[in-house]
Structures are given as structure tokens and as C-alpha cells.
């Protein structure tokens, strides 16, 4: 469980009680050590959440405090749900499951009227078995961990080659995905379609951060487009 999710659940546990709750009980509910509970409570207090604590008694959320509700505009909900269903259809099983869980949280925060609107969404994105879903997961993990990969690749002319790559990022083109990589054989950027990768092995070697070998550099300096999806 991520820290942000744990803090949210901690506040929810405190909200659901009229009496104080001990750190031991909170730790058991959250599945963490008591010292983690102490740190989390301190972080919440510093952020302005009114939690009162007393040794030997436990913690209590001061009366009148409530988490602000999530407020979505109609088109924001549509965008989030369509995005979630695209992830479920076009990525890998792990991300698909995470998208389902996120969608359930979004739906739980909607008003009854918005739920009616959601039921009438015109979008349908079929989920079907994709042969490259396993490759997608491997490459996603490699990109996240800056892990090198060795692939056997068949190009558009049917020629096979083996490449050792720096796995820099994954680019979706609507009907297919490509891996953006730094190819050690060619010593330059190369794109590889997932559906043409014949075999893939993740190597134990990790590549270093490099100012001129990364996804942002490729998009802005080589392709000449703004990397609008870079986190702020």
C-alpha cells in the first residue's frame, strides 16, 4: 500500500469511530508496524488534520473534521473512465487490474445523477487477448527500472536481428505500441514495434541516467514536439 493510500485509510479509520483507537489497532488494520503509525499520524497533524492523541488511550479525530469530497465535472469523469478502459484493453494485466480498482474508486465518489450519466456513455472499448500483453509488462517494468533488454526483432522486411537496448519509454500509436530505446548496436535512438519482437530477455545490467538518451530528449530535441505528458 502506498503512503498516500495508507494516510487516506488512516483518516477513514479515525472518522469511523466515536472513541479513541490505539496505535496497535491502527497498525493491525493497516498492516504496518506501530512506528509507521506514529510517523503517519505526525505527518497528518503537520498537514493540518486535527488528530488528538493521549498515551495509553489512543488517537481521536477532532469532531467536525471531514475529508473534502472529490468533485468531478461530467467531461472529466468521461475522460477518466475512457482512459481507464483503454488501459484495460491495450496494456498489460497488472495495469488493467489497477485501472479497474481506480475506476471503482472514481465511481464511488460520484453523485447519483453522475452515475446515471456514466451508464449512458457512448464509448465501448472491447477487451480482448493481446499476444504482446506479456511483452508490454516486461518492457514497462524495464523502463521503470532503467533496465537493459536484449531482443530478437523482425523488421518490416522480415529480417531478424538481436539488439541490446536501453529501454527508455513506450509510445502508443492507437493501433500499436513501440518501444523507444537507445540501441547499442546502432549507437542511436531506435523504435521497435511490440508485435515484431520475437523474443525478449531483461538483462541484469541497468543503464545510467543520461541527459541525451531519454524519452524527453527524444521527443523535444529529435522529434521536435513538446513532452506534454511529462509530470510537473
C-alpha atoms as a PDB file:
ATOM      1  CA  UNK A   1       0.000   0.000   0.000  1.00  0.00           C
ATOM      2  CA  UNK A   2       1.392   3.403  -0.970  1.00  0.00           C
ATOM      3  CA  UNK A   3       1.837   6.055   1.701  1.00  0.00           C
ATOM      4  CA  UNK A   4      -0.884   8.301   0.226  1.00  0.00           C
ATOM      5  CA  UNK A   5      -3.379   5.396   0.290  1.00  0.00           C
ATOM      6  CA  UNK A   6      -2.315   4.480   3.824  1.00  0.00           C
ATOM      7  CA  UNK A   7      -2.808   8.041   5.085  1.00  0.00           C
ATOM      8  CA  UNK A   8      -6.256   8.188   3.481  1.00  0.00           C
ATOM      9  CA  UNK A   9      -7.227   4.885   5.086  1.00  0.00           C
ATOM     10  CA  UNK A  10      -5.865   6.055   8.441  1.00  0.00           C
ATOM     11  CA  UNK A  11      -8.101   9.135   8.379  1.00  0.00           C
ATOM     12  CA  UNK A  12     -11.039   6.961   7.313  1.00  0.00           C
ATOM     13  CA  UNK A  13     -10.454   4.609  10.259  1.00  0.00           C
ATOM     14  CA  UNK A  14     -10.392   7.540  12.670  1.00  0.00           C
ATOM     15  CA  UNK A  15     -13.507   9.061  11.104  1.00  0.00           C
ATOM     16  CA  UNK A  16     -15.452   5.858  11.627  1.00  0.00           C
ATOM     17  CA  UNK A  17     -15.081   5.834  15.420  1.00  0.00           C
ATOM     18  CA  UNK A  18     -16.636   7.793  18.259  1.00  0.00           C
ATOM     19  CA  UNK A  19     -13.942   6.744  20.736  1.00  0.00           C
ATOM     20  CA  UNK A  20     -10.151   6.743  20.601  1.00  0.00           C
ATOM     21  CA  UNK A  21      -8.339   3.965  18.773  1.00  0.00           C
ATOM     22  CA  UNK A  22      -4.897   2.722  19.803  1.00  0.00           C
ATOM     23  CA  UNK A  23      -1.823   2.722  17.605  1.00  0.00           C
ATOM     24  CA  UNK A  24      -1.695  -1.074  17.903  1.00  0.00           C
ATOM     25  CA  UNK A  25      -5.195  -1.475  16.475  1.00  0.00           C
ATOM     26  CA  UNK A  26      -4.415   1.008  13.681  1.00  0.00           C
ATOM     27  CA  UNK A  27      -1.216  -0.870  12.874  1.00  0.00           C
ATOM     28  CA  UNK A  28      -3.125  -4.161  12.621  1.00  0.00           C
ATOM     29  CA  UNK A  29      -5.778  -2.610  10.371  1.00  0.00           C
ATOM     30  CA  UNK A  30      -3.175  -1.044   8.076  1.00  0.00           C
ATOM     31  CA  UNK A  31      -0.794  -3.999   8.125  1.00  0.00           C
ATOM     32  CA  UNK A  32       2.198  -1.913   9.240  1.00  0.00           C
ATOM     33  CA  UNK A  33       4.420  -1.515  12.292  1.00  0.00           C
ATOM     34  CA  UNK A  34       3.344   0.763  15.143  1.00  0.00           C
ATOM     35  CA  UNK A  35       6.257   3.118  14.468  1.00  0.00           C
ATOM     36  CA  UNK A  36       4.847   3.631  10.961  1.00  0.00           C
ATOM     37  CA  UNK A  37       1.517   4.620  12.525  1.00  0.00           C
ATOM     38  CA  UNK A  38       3.307   7.147  14.757  1.00  0.00           C
ATOM     39  CA  UNK A  39       5.061   8.683  11.735  1.00  0.00           C
ATOM     40  CA  UNK A  40       1.859   8.747   9.681  1.00  0.00           C
ATOM     41  CA  UNK A  41      -0.136  10.428  12.456  1.00  0.00           C
ATOM     42  CA  UNK A  42       2.598  13.031  12.847  1.00  0.00           C
ATOM     43  CA  UNK A  43       2.569  13.682   9.089  1.00  0.00           C
ATOM     44  CA  UNK A  44      -1.206  14.145   9.131  1.00  0.00           C
ATOM     45  CA  UNK A  45      -1.063  16.514  12.113  1.00  0.00           C
ATOM     46  CA  UNK A  46       1.631  18.602  10.413  1.00  0.00           C
ATOM     47  CA  UNK A  47      -0.560  18.804   7.300  1.00  0.00           C
ATOM     48  CA  UNK A  48      -3.448  20.206   9.344  1.00  0.00           C
ATOM     49  CA  UNK A  49      -5.561  17.140  10.183  1.00  0.00           C
ATOM     50  CA  UNK A  50      -6.838  17.641  13.787  1.00  0.00           C
ATOM     51  CA  UNK A  51      -5.856  14.375  15.469  1.00  0.00           C
ATOM     52  CA  UNK A  52      -5.686  14.286  19.263  1.00  0.00           C
ATOM     53  CA  UNK A  53      -3.566  11.631  20.954  1.00  0.00           C
ATOM     54  CA  UNK A  54      -3.201  10.515  24.549  1.00  0.00           C
ATOM     55  CA  UNK A  55      -0.748   7.953  25.870  1.00  0.00           C
ATOM     56  CA  UNK A  56      -2.451   4.745  26.875  1.00  0.00           C
ATOM     57  CA  UNK A  57      -5.739   5.826  25.306  1.00  0.00           C
ATOM     58  CA  UNK A  58      -5.075   6.265  21.591  1.00  0.00           C
ATOM     59  CA  UNK A  59      -5.937   8.664  18.807  1.00  0.00           C
ATOM     60  CA  UNK A  60      -9.171  10.502  18.101  1.00  0.00           C
ATOM     61  CA  UNK A  61     -10.146  12.701  15.164  1.00  0.00           C
ATOM     62  CA  UNK A  62     -11.483  16.017  16.414  1.00  0.00           C
ATOM     63  CA  UNK A  63     -15.228  16.453  15.860  1.00  0.00           C
ATOM     64  CA  UNK A  64     -16.284  18.330  12.741  1.00  0.00           C
ATOM     65  CA  UNK A  65     -13.379  17.322  10.512  1.00  0.00           C
ATOM     66  CA  UNK A  66     -14.172  15.735   7.180  1.00  0.00           C
ATOM     67  CA  UNK A  67     -12.221  14.975   4.028  1.00  0.00           C
ATOM     68  CA  UNK A  68     -13.261  17.202   1.151  1.00  0.00           C
ATOM     69  CA  UNK A  69     -15.246  15.221  -1.441  1.00  0.00           C
ATOM     70  CA  UNK A  70     -13.874  14.601  -4.907  1.00  0.00           C
ATOM     71  CA  UNK A  71     -15.671  16.931  -7.282  1.00  0.00           C
ATOM     72  CA  UNK A  72     -15.609  15.973 -10.958  1.00  0.00           C
ATOM     73  CA  UNK A  73     -17.065  17.726 -13.961  1.00  0.00           C
ATOM     74  CA  UNK A  74     -19.027  15.480 -16.346  1.00  0.00           C
ATOM     75  CA  UNK A  75     -16.386  15.543 -19.074  1.00  0.00           C
ATOM     76  CA  UNK A  76     -13.648  14.885 -16.506  1.00  0.00           C
ATOM     77  CA  UNK A  77     -15.447  11.696 -15.492  1.00  0.00           C
ATOM     78  CA  UNK A  78     -15.825  10.690 -19.130  1.00  0.00           C
ATOM     79  CA  UNK A  79     -12.111  11.282 -19.755  1.00  0.00           C
ATOM     80  CA  UNK A  80     -11.078   9.278 -16.694  1.00  0.00           C
ATOM     81  CA  UNK A  81     -13.342   6.321 -17.467  1.00  0.00           C
ATOM     82  CA  UNK A  82     -12.434   6.189 -21.154  1.00  0.00           C
ATOM     83  CA  UNK A  83      -8.755   6.346 -20.192  1.00  0.00           C
ATOM     84  CA  UNK A  84      -9.254   3.574 -17.639  1.00  0.00           C
ATOM     85  CA  UNK A  85     -10.917   1.314 -20.180  1.00  0.00           C
ATOM     86  CA  UNK A  86      -8.212   1.982 -22.771  1.00  0.00           C
ATOM     87  CA  UNK A  87      -5.640   0.901 -20.198  1.00  0.00           C
ATOM     88  CA  UNK A  88      -7.645  -2.261 -19.513  1.00  0.00           C
ATOM     89  CA  UNK A  89      -7.844  -3.051 -23.225  1.00  0.00           C
ATOM     90  CA  UNK A  90      -4.421  -2.035 -24.505  1.00  0.00           C
ATOM     91  CA  UNK A  91      -1.768  -2.508 -21.825  1.00  0.00           C
ATOM     92  CA  UNK A  92      -0.919  -5.456 -19.573  1.00  0.00           C
ATOM     93  CA  UNK A  93      -2.886  -7.449 -16.955  1.00  0.00           C
ATOM     94  CA  UNK A  94      -1.290  -5.733 -13.954  1.00  0.00           C
ATOM     95  CA  UNK A  95      -2.120  -2.247 -15.207  1.00  0.00           C
ATOM     96  CA  UNK A  96      -5.560  -3.428 -16.282  1.00  0.00           C
ATOM     97  CA  UNK A  97      -6.325  -4.585 -12.751  1.00  0.00           C
ATOM     98  CA  UNK A  98      -5.034  -1.302 -11.308  1.00  0.00           C
ATOM     99  CA  UNK A  99      -7.262   0.597 -13.744  1.00  0.00           C
ATOM    100  CA  UNK A 100     -10.306  -1.414 -12.609  1.00  0.00           C
ATOM    101  CA  UNK A 101      -9.552  -0.605  -8.989  1.00  0.00           C
ATOM    102  CA  UNK A 102      -9.088   3.089  -9.778  1.00  0.00           C
ATOM    103  CA  UNK A 103     -12.365   3.108 -11.732  1.00  0.00           C
ATOM    104  CA  UNK A 104     -14.199   1.650  -8.733  1.00  0.00           C
ATOM    105  CA  UNK A 105     -12.859   4.462  -6.534  1.00  0.00           C
ATOM    106  CA  UNK A 106     -13.942   7.083  -9.073  1.00  0.00           C
ATOM    107  CA  UNK A 107     -17.449   5.622  -9.318  1.00  0.00           C
ATOM    108  CA  UNK A 108     -17.746   5.526  -5.517  1.00  0.00           C
ATOM    109  CA  UNK A 109     -17.142   9.286  -5.402  1.00  0.00           C
ATOM    110  CA  UNK A 110     -19.839  10.209  -7.936  1.00  0.00           C
ATOM    111  CA  UNK A 111     -23.272  11.600  -7.229  1.00  0.00           C
ATOM    112  CA  UNK A 112     -26.341   9.516  -8.199  1.00  0.00           C
ATOM    113  CA  UNK A 113     -27.007  11.869 -11.123  1.00  0.00           C
ATOM    114  CA  UNK A 114     -23.472  11.464 -12.448  1.00  0.00           C
ATOM    115  CA  UNK A 115     -23.753   7.683 -12.139  1.00  0.00           C
ATOM    116  CA  UNK A 116     -26.799   7.846 -14.403  1.00  0.00           C
ATOM    117  CA  UNK A 117     -24.749   9.828 -16.944  1.00  0.00           C
ATOM    118  CA  UNK A 118     -21.943   7.275 -16.722  1.00  0.00           C
ATOM    119  CA  UNK A 119     -24.366   4.476 -17.562  1.00  0.00           C
ATOM    120  CA  UNK A 120     -25.132   6.287 -20.830  1.00  0.00           C
ATOM    121  CA  UNK A 121     -21.556   6.788 -22.011  1.00  0.00           C
ATOM    122  CA  UNK A 122     -21.321   6.091 -25.756  1.00  0.00           C
ATOM    123  CA  UNK A 123     -17.796   4.678 -25.575  1.00  0.00           C
ATOM    124  CA  UNK A 124     -17.157   0.949 -25.842  1.00  0.00           C
ATOM    125  CA  UNK A 125     -13.590  -0.325 -25.845  1.00  0.00           C
ATOM    126  CA  UNK A 126     -13.506  -4.105 -26.303  1.00  0.00           C
ATOM    127  CA  UNK A 127     -11.054  -6.003 -24.122  1.00  0.00           C
ATOM    128  CA  UNK A 128      -9.534  -8.979 -25.903  1.00  0.00           C
ATOM    129  CA  UNK A 129      -6.484 -11.165 -25.567  1.00  0.00           C
ATOM    130  CA  UNK A 130      -3.412  -9.457 -26.995  1.00  0.00           C
ATOM    131  CA  UNK A 131      -0.360 -11.521 -27.853  1.00  0.00           C
ATOM    132  CA  UNK A 132       2.014  -8.731 -26.798  1.00  0.00           C
ATOM    133  CA  UNK A 133       0.484  -8.087 -23.344  1.00  0.00           C
ATOM    134  CA  UNK A 134       3.301 -10.080 -21.715  1.00  0.00           C
ATOM    135  CA  UNK A 135       5.903  -8.077 -23.625  1.00  0.00           C
ATOM    136  CA  UNK A 136       4.136  -4.880 -22.573  1.00  0.00           C
ATOM    137  CA  UNK A 137       4.504  -5.766 -18.887  1.00  0.00           C
ATOM    138  CA  UNK A 138       8.177  -6.743 -19.230  1.00  0.00           C
ATOM    139  CA  UNK A 139       9.053  -3.565 -21.096  1.00  0.00           C
ATOM    140  CA  UNK A 140       7.086  -1.370 -18.707  1.00  0.00           C
ATOM    141  CA  UNK A 141       8.999  -2.808 -15.759  1.00  0.00           C
ATOM    142  CA  UNK A 142      12.278  -2.413 -17.645  1.00  0.00           C
ATOM    143  CA  UNK A 143      11.556   1.241 -18.459  1.00  0.00           C
ATOM    144  CA  UNK A 144      10.552   1.971 -14.866  1.00  0.00           C
ATOM    145  CA  UNK A 145      13.744   0.389 -13.532  1.00  0.00           C
ATOM    146  CA  UNK A 146      16.106   1.654 -16.293  1.00  0.00           C
ATOM    147  CA  UNK A 147      16.911  -1.982 -17.077  1.00  0.00           C
ATOM    148  CA  UNK A 148      18.614  -3.072 -20.271  1.00  0.00           C
ATOM    149  CA  UNK A 149      16.937  -5.637 -22.522  1.00  0.00           C
ATOM    150  CA  UNK A 150      18.090  -7.964 -25.262  1.00  0.00           C
ATOM    151  CA  UNK A 151      15.542  -8.548 -28.011  1.00  0.00           C
ATOM    152  CA  UNK A 152      15.272 -10.557 -31.185  1.00  0.00           C
ATOM    153  CA  UNK A 153      13.464  -8.324 -33.673  1.00  0.00           C
ATOM    154  CA  UNK A 154      11.956  -8.886 -37.106  1.00  0.00           C
ATOM    155  CA  UNK A 155      11.798  -5.721 -39.201  1.00  0.00           C
ATOM    156  CA  UNK A 156       9.212  -4.852 -41.871  1.00  0.00           C
ATOM    157  CA  UNK A 157      11.259  -6.771 -44.459  1.00  0.00           C
ATOM    158  CA  UNK A 158      11.314  -9.929 -42.349  1.00  0.00           C
ATOM    159  CA  UNK A 159      14.984  -9.595 -41.394  1.00  0.00           C
ATOM    160  CA  UNK A 160      15.823 -10.675 -37.846  1.00  0.00           C
ATOM    161  CA  UNK A 161      18.464  -9.114 -35.624  1.00  0.00           C
ATOM    162  CA  UNK A 162      19.436  -9.192 -31.959  1.00  0.00           C
ATOM    163  CA  UNK A 163      19.764  -5.877 -30.151  1.00  0.00           C
ATOM    164  CA  UNK A 164      20.850  -4.814 -26.689  1.00  0.00           C
ATOM    165  CA  UNK A 165      18.762  -1.799 -25.702  1.00  0.00           C
ATOM    166  CA  UNK A 166      18.327   0.938 -23.158  1.00  0.00           C
ATOM    167  CA  UNK A 167      14.574   0.765 -22.549  1.00  0.00           C
ATOM    168  CA  UNK A 168      13.670   4.474 -22.463  1.00  0.00           C
ATOM    169  CA  UNK A 169       9.897   4.605 -22.948  1.00  0.00           C
ATOM    170  CA  UNK A 170       6.800   3.194 -24.593  1.00  0.00           C
ATOM    171  CA  UNK A 171       4.828   5.114 -27.214  1.00  0.00           C
ATOM    172  CA  UNK A 172       1.225   4.279 -28.090  1.00  0.00           C
ATOM    173  CA  UNK A 173       0.153   4.939 -31.679  1.00  0.00           C
ATOM    174  CA  UNK A 174      -3.504   3.913 -31.404  1.00  0.00           C
ATOM    175  CA  UNK A 175      -3.254   0.621 -33.260  1.00  0.00           C
ATOM    176  CA  UNK A 176       0.133  -0.469 -31.894  1.00  0.00           C
ATOM    177  CA  UNK A 177       2.830   0.197 -29.278  1.00  0.00           C
ATOM    178  CA  UNK A 178       6.502   0.845 -29.878  1.00  0.00           C
ATOM    179  CA  UNK A 179       9.487   0.757 -27.563  1.00  0.00           C
ATOM    180  CA  UNK A 180      11.715   3.815 -27.740  1.00  0.00           C
ATOM    181  CA  UNK A 181      15.231   2.642 -26.988  1.00  0.00           C
ATOM    182  CA  UNK A 182      18.859   3.544 -27.302  1.00  0.00           C
ATOM    183  CA  UNK A 183      20.285   0.793 -29.483  1.00  0.00           C
ATOM    184  CA  UNK A 184      23.833  -0.194 -28.531  1.00  0.00           C
ATOM    185  CA  UNK A 185      24.360  -1.801 -31.948  1.00  0.00           C
ATOM    186  CA  UNK A 186      23.466   1.359 -33.907  1.00  0.00           C
ATOM    187  CA  UNK A 187      24.534   3.769 -31.148  1.00  0.00           C
ATOM    188  CA  UNK A 188      21.411   5.883 -31.647  1.00  0.00           C
ATOM    189  CA  UNK A 189      17.678   6.011 -30.941  1.00  0.00           C
ATOM    190  CA  UNK A 190      15.524   3.295 -32.435  1.00  0.00           C
ATOM    191  CA  UNK A 191      11.809   2.409 -32.230  1.00  0.00           C
ATOM    192  CA  UNK A 192      10.677  -1.225 -32.052  1.00  0.00           C
ATOM    193  CA  UNK A 193       7.101  -2.382 -32.568  1.00  0.00           C
ATOM    194  CA  UNK A 194       5.915  -4.726 -29.841  1.00  0.00           C
ATOM    195  CA  UNK A 195       4.279  -7.085 -32.340  1.00  0.00           C
ATOM    196  CA  UNK A 196       7.598  -7.578 -34.174  1.00  0.00           C
ATOM    197  CA  UNK A 197       9.590  -8.532 -31.084  1.00  0.00           C
ATOM    198  CA  UNK A 198      10.237 -12.269 -31.413  1.00  0.00           C
ATOM    199  CA  UNK A 199      11.984 -12.763 -28.082  1.00  0.00           C
ATOM    200  CA  UNK A 200      12.975 -10.615 -25.129  1.00  0.00           C
ATOM    201  CA  UNK A 201      15.298 -11.073 -22.161  1.00  0.00           C
ATOM    202  CA  UNK A 202      15.694  -8.481 -19.428  1.00  0.00           C
ATOM    203  CA  UNK A 203      19.368  -8.110 -18.540  1.00  0.00           C
ATOM    204  CA  UNK A 204      20.768  -7.694 -15.041  1.00  0.00           C
ATOM    205  CA  UNK A 205      22.555  -4.541 -16.170  1.00  0.00           C
ATOM    206  CA  UNK A 206      20.916  -1.160 -15.609  1.00  0.00           C
ATOM    207  CA  UNK A 207      21.708   1.874 -17.727  1.00  0.00           C
ATOM    208  CA  UNK A 208      22.563   5.236 -16.120  1.00  0.00           C
ATOM    209  CA  UNK A 209      20.543   8.436 -16.294  1.00  0.00           C
ATOM    210  CA  UNK A 210      21.746  10.321 -19.380  1.00  0.00           C
ATOM    211  CA  UNK A 211      20.799  13.865 -20.400  1.00  0.00           C
ATOM    212  CA  UNK A 212      20.824  12.980 -24.113  1.00  0.00           C
ATOM    213  CA  UNK A 213      19.446   9.469 -24.013  1.00  0.00           C
ATOM    214  CA  UNK A 214      15.942   9.654 -22.587  1.00  0.00           C
ATOM    215  CA  UNK A 215      12.318   9.937 -23.632  1.00  0.00           C
ATOM    216  CA  UNK A 216      12.036  13.698 -23.061  1.00  0.00           C
ATOM    217  CA  UNK A 217      15.208  14.407 -25.076  1.00  0.00           C
ATOM    218  CA  UNK A 218      13.981  12.254 -27.938  1.00  0.00           C
ATOM    219  CA  UNK A 219      10.597  13.983 -28.127  1.00  0.00           C
ATOM    220  CA  UNK A 220      11.802  17.568 -27.711  1.00  0.00           C
ATOM    221  CA  UNK A 221      15.178  17.534 -29.440  1.00  0.00           C
ATOM    222  CA  UNK A 222      14.914  14.785 -32.054  1.00  0.00           C
ATOM    223  CA  UNK A 223      11.222  14.741 -32.975  1.00  0.00           C
ATOM    224  CA  UNK A 224      10.675  18.398 -32.123  1.00  0.00           C
ATOM    225  CA  UNK A 225       7.442  18.110 -30.125  1.00  0.00           C
ATOM    226  CA  UNK A 226       6.679  19.173 -26.551  1.00  0.00           C
ATOM    227  CA  UNK A 227       6.645  16.427 -23.965  1.00  0.00           C
ATOM    228  CA  UNK A 228       3.231  17.468 -22.629  1.00  0.00           C
ATOM    229  CA  UNK A 229       2.806  14.310 -20.558  1.00  0.00           C
ATOM    230  CA  UNK A 230       5.954  14.846 -18.504  1.00  0.00           C
ATOM    231  CA  UNK A 231       4.968  15.056 -14.805  1.00  0.00           C
ATOM    232  CA  UNK A 232       5.014  18.598 -13.448  1.00  0.00           C
END
